[in-house]
Amino acid sequence: MSLIITLIIIGIILLVIELLIIPGFGFAGVLGLLAVIGAVVLAFIQLGTTPGLIVLGCTIVALTVMTALILRSKTWKKLSLKVNIDAKVDSAPDEKGLAIGMIGVTISRLAPAGKIRINDIDIEARSYDAIIDSGKYVEIIAIEDNKVTVKQVESGNSQQTGQEPDKEDENASPQQ
């Protein structure tokens, strides 16, 4: 009789662990179900039909009460996210006012992707054909599927970009 009670308690503990701690329906849940089913089958085999039915009924009641307590208690509130996520997906380049032909300055190395700044707007861009160092002028040559493709240009028009290159980059010769 003590083996039956032990199997039922272990089974219920494993099912609670599966519900509250381990995500998904895995090893602990399967072991818990097998322990509970094994206890009921063992009760029918060792004790007979009437005690087996009593054990089955008590197990069903215990599992129902346990499920109701878990669902009604503040357990799920303690485990759930309380912060609202208000982050937004970055808008498309054309919604930011960017267009093909605009000139900007790289603010990180494009190898082949990196950050560029056009009119005080920082965006992710890809180099068309080469690695472009930081502080170099680039021109937008394509915008496809919210991906901006750029190529390096000799010099930029600061009125067009709104950006001034770094002082060390003004004296440096352009890399091709």
Protein backbone atom coordinates (compact mmCIF):
# COMPACT_ATOMS: atom_id res chain seq x y z
CA MET A 1 0.00 0.00 0.00
CA SER A 2 2.85 2.39 0.80
CA LEU A 3 4.35 1.81 -2.67
CA ILE A 4 1.04 2.86 -4.27
CA ILE A 5 0.84 6.06 -2.21
CA THR A 6 4.52 6.83 -2.88
CA LEU A 7 4.05 6.38 -6.66
CA ILE A 8 1.01 8.67 -6.64
CA ILE A 9 2.85 11.39 -4.68
CA ILE A 10 5.95 11.13 -6.88
CA GLY A 11 3.76 11.23 -9.99
CA ILE A 12 1.93 14.36 -8.82
CA ILE A 13 5.21 16.07 -7.88
CA LEU A 14 6.68 15.28 -11.32
CA LEU A 15 3.57 16.62 -13.05
CA VAL A 16 3.74 19.85 -11.02
CA ILE A 17 7.43 20.22 -11.90
CA GLU A 18 6.55 19.69 -15.55
CA LEU A 19 3.81 22.32 -15.44
CA LEU A 20 5.65 24.99 -13.47
CA ILE A 21 9.38 24.58 -14.01
CA ILE A 22 10.19 22.60 -17.16
CA PRO A 23 8.60 23.97 -20.34
CA GLY A 24 6.83 21.64 -22.73
CA PHE A 25 5.71 18.09 -22.19
CA GLY A 26 8.91 16.17 -21.61
CA PHE A 27 10.67 13.69 -19.43
CA ALA A 28 9.23 14.73 -16.05
CA GLY A 29 5.65 14.79 -17.40
CA VAL A 30 5.95 11.33 -18.94
CA LEU A 31 7.49 9.93 -15.75
CA GLY A 32 4.75 11.56 -13.68
CA LEU A 33 1.98 10.07 -15.80
CA LEU A 34 3.66 6.64 -15.77
CA ALA A 35 4.02 6.79 -11.95
CA VAL A 36 0.34 7.70 -11.45
CA ILE A 37 -0.90 5.09 -13.95
CA GLY A 38 1.49 2.49 -12.47
CA ALA A 39 0.16 3.20 -8.97
CA VAL A 40 -3.46 2.73 -10.09
CA VAL A 41 -2.63 -0.50 -11.97
CA LEU A 42 -0.65 -1.76 -8.98
CA ALA A 43 -3.64 -1.01 -6.71
CA PHE A 44 -5.93 -3.10 -8.94
CA ILE A 45 -3.42 -5.97 -9.07
CA GLN A 46 -2.45 -6.08 -5.38
CA LEU A 47 -5.63 -4.93 -3.65
CA GLY A 48 -8.44 -5.99 -5.97
CA THR A 49 -11.23 -4.23 -7.86
CA THR A 50 -12.94 -2.21 -5.11
CA PRO A 51 -9.77 -0.79 -3.52
CA GLY A 52 -8.40 -0.21 -7.05
CA LEU A 53 -11.47 1.87 -7.92
CA ILE A 54 -11.09 3.82 -4.68
CA VAL A 55 -7.42 4.56 -5.47
CA LEU A 56 -8.40 5.56 -9.04
CA GLY A 57 -11.13 7.89 -7.74
CA CYS A 58 -8.84 9.46 -5.12
CA THR A 59 -6.12 9.96 -7.76
CA ILE A 60 -8.56 11.66 -10.16
CA VAL A 61 -9.83 13.91 -7.35
CA ALA A 62 -6.27 14.76 -6.25
CA LEU A 63 -5.21 15.62 -9.81
CA THR A 64 -8.35 17.71 -10.36
CA VAL A 65 -7.86 19.64 -7.10
CA MET A 66 -4.17 20.16 -7.92
CA THR A 67 -5.01 21.47 -11.39
CA ALA A 68 -7.69 23.79 -10.00
CA LEU A 69 -5.32 25.18 -7.36
CA ILE A 70 -2.57 25.78 -9.90
CA LEU A 71 -4.93 27.54 -12.29
CA ARG A 72 -6.71 29.62 -9.60
CA SER A 73 -3.67 30.66 -7.61
CA LYS A 74 -1.35 33.50 -8.44
CA THR A 75 1.17 31.01 -9.81
CA TRP A 76 0.63 32.05 -13.42
CA LYS A 77 0.80 35.75 -12.52
CA LYS A 78 4.17 35.19 -10.86
CA LEU A 79 5.49 33.42 -13.94
CA SER A 80 4.04 35.75 -16.57
CA LEU A 81 5.51 38.88 -18.13
CA LYS A 82 4.20 42.05 -16.52
CA VAL A 83 5.95 44.60 -18.74
CA ASN A 84 4.29 45.77 -21.91
CA ILE A 85 6.53 45.51 -24.93
CA ASP A 86 6.15 48.73 -26.86
CA ALA A 87 9.09 48.37 -29.24
CA LYS A 88 8.33 48.87 -32.89
CA VAL A 89 9.81 47.48 -36.04
CA ASP A 90 12.09 49.96 -37.77
CA SER A 91 10.28 51.83 -40.54
CA ALA A 92 11.15 51.34 -44.17
CA PRO A 93 13.89 53.55 -45.66
CA ASP A 94 11.47 55.28 -48.03
CA GLU A 95 9.25 56.18 -45.04
CA LYS A 96 12.29 57.90 -43.50
CA GLY A 97 12.62 60.05 -46.61
CA LEU A 98 15.57 58.17 -48.07
CA ALA A 99 15.83 57.74 -51.82
CA ILE A 100 18.23 56.45 -54.44
CA GLY A 101 20.98 58.98 -55.18
CA MET A 102 21.19 60.43 -51.66
CA ILE A 103 24.69 60.78 -50.23
CA GLY A 104 25.66 60.00 -46.67
CA VAL A 105 28.61 59.14 -44.44
CA THR A 106 29.51 55.73 -43.06
CA ILE A 107 29.52 55.69 -39.27
CA SER A 108 30.82 52.14 -39.08
CA ARG A 109 32.80 49.97 -41.43
CA LEU A 110 30.69 48.36 -44.14
CA ALA A 111 32.10 44.85 -44.46
CA PRO A 112 29.75 44.33 -46.32
CA ALA A 113 27.09 45.66 -43.94
CA GLY A 114 27.25 48.46 -41.43
CA LYS A 115 25.72 51.78 -40.38
CA ILE A 116 25.46 54.96 -42.43
CA ARG A 117 24.08 58.39 -41.59
CA ILE A 118 22.05 60.48 -44.03
CA ASN A 119 20.35 63.70 -42.86
CA ASP A 120 20.85 62.72 -39.19
CA ILE A 121 19.17 59.36 -39.81
CA ASP A 122 21.18 56.26 -38.95
CA ILE A 123 20.34 53.19 -41.03
CA GLU A 124 21.75 49.77 -41.75
CA ALA A 125 23.25 49.55 -45.23
CA ARG A 126 25.15 47.07 -47.38
CA SER A 127 28.12 47.85 -49.58
CA TYR A 128 27.62 47.05 -53.25
CA ASP A 129 31.11 45.87 -54.14
CA ALA A 130 33.78 46.56 -51.54
CA ILE A 131 34.57 47.09 -47.90
CA ILE A 132 34.07 50.76 -47.01
CA ASP A 133 35.80 52.26 -43.98
CA SER A 134 34.10 54.50 -41.44
CA GLY A 135 33.86 58.20 -42.31
CA LYS A 136 33.66 57.72 -46.10
CA TYR A 137 31.00 59.19 -48.34
CA VAL A 138 28.51 56.74 -49.84
CA GLU A 139 25.60 57.03 -52.26
CA ILE A 140 22.40 54.98 -52.12
CA ILE A 141 22.19 52.95 -55.32
CA ALA A 142 19.30 50.61 -54.45
CA ILE A 143 16.51 50.13 -51.93
CA GLU A 144 14.93 46.68 -52.15
CA ASP A 145 12.86 44.94 -49.49
CA ASN A 146 13.87 47.58 -46.89
CA LYS A 147 17.54 46.85 -47.58
CA VAL A 148 19.70 49.81 -48.55
CA THR A 149 22.63 49.19 -50.88
CA VAL A 150 25.36 51.84 -51.19
CA LYS A 151 28.60 52.46 -53.05
CA GLN A 152 31.51 54.67 -52.09
CA VAL A 153 31.79 58.03 -53.85
CA GLU A 154 34.82 60.31 -54.18
CA SER A 155 33.45 63.20 -52.12
CA GLY A 156 30.12 64.22 -50.77
CA ASN A 157 28.22 67.43 -50.88
CA SER A 158 27.78 68.41 -47.23
CA GLN A 159 24.57 70.27 -48.16
CA GLN A 160 23.18 67.04 -49.56
CA THR A 161 24.25 64.87 -46.62
CA GLY A 162 24.15 67.27 -43.72
CA GLN A 163 27.25 65.45 -42.47
CA GLU A 164 30.88 66.48 -42.22
CA PRO A 165 33.51 63.75 -42.42
CA ASP A 166 36.04 63.24 -39.65
CA LYS A 167 39.11 65.52 -39.89
CA GLU A 168 41.42 62.59 -40.41
CA ASP A 169 39.24 61.40 -43.29
CA GLU A 170 39.36 64.80 -45.07
CA ASN A 171 43.11 64.49 -45.52
CA ALA A 172 43.04 60.82 -46.41
CA SER A 173 42.91 59.86 -50.04
CA PRO A 174 39.79 57.94 -51.07
CA GLN A 175 40.20 54.19 -51.21
CA GLN A 176 39.00 52.41 -54.30
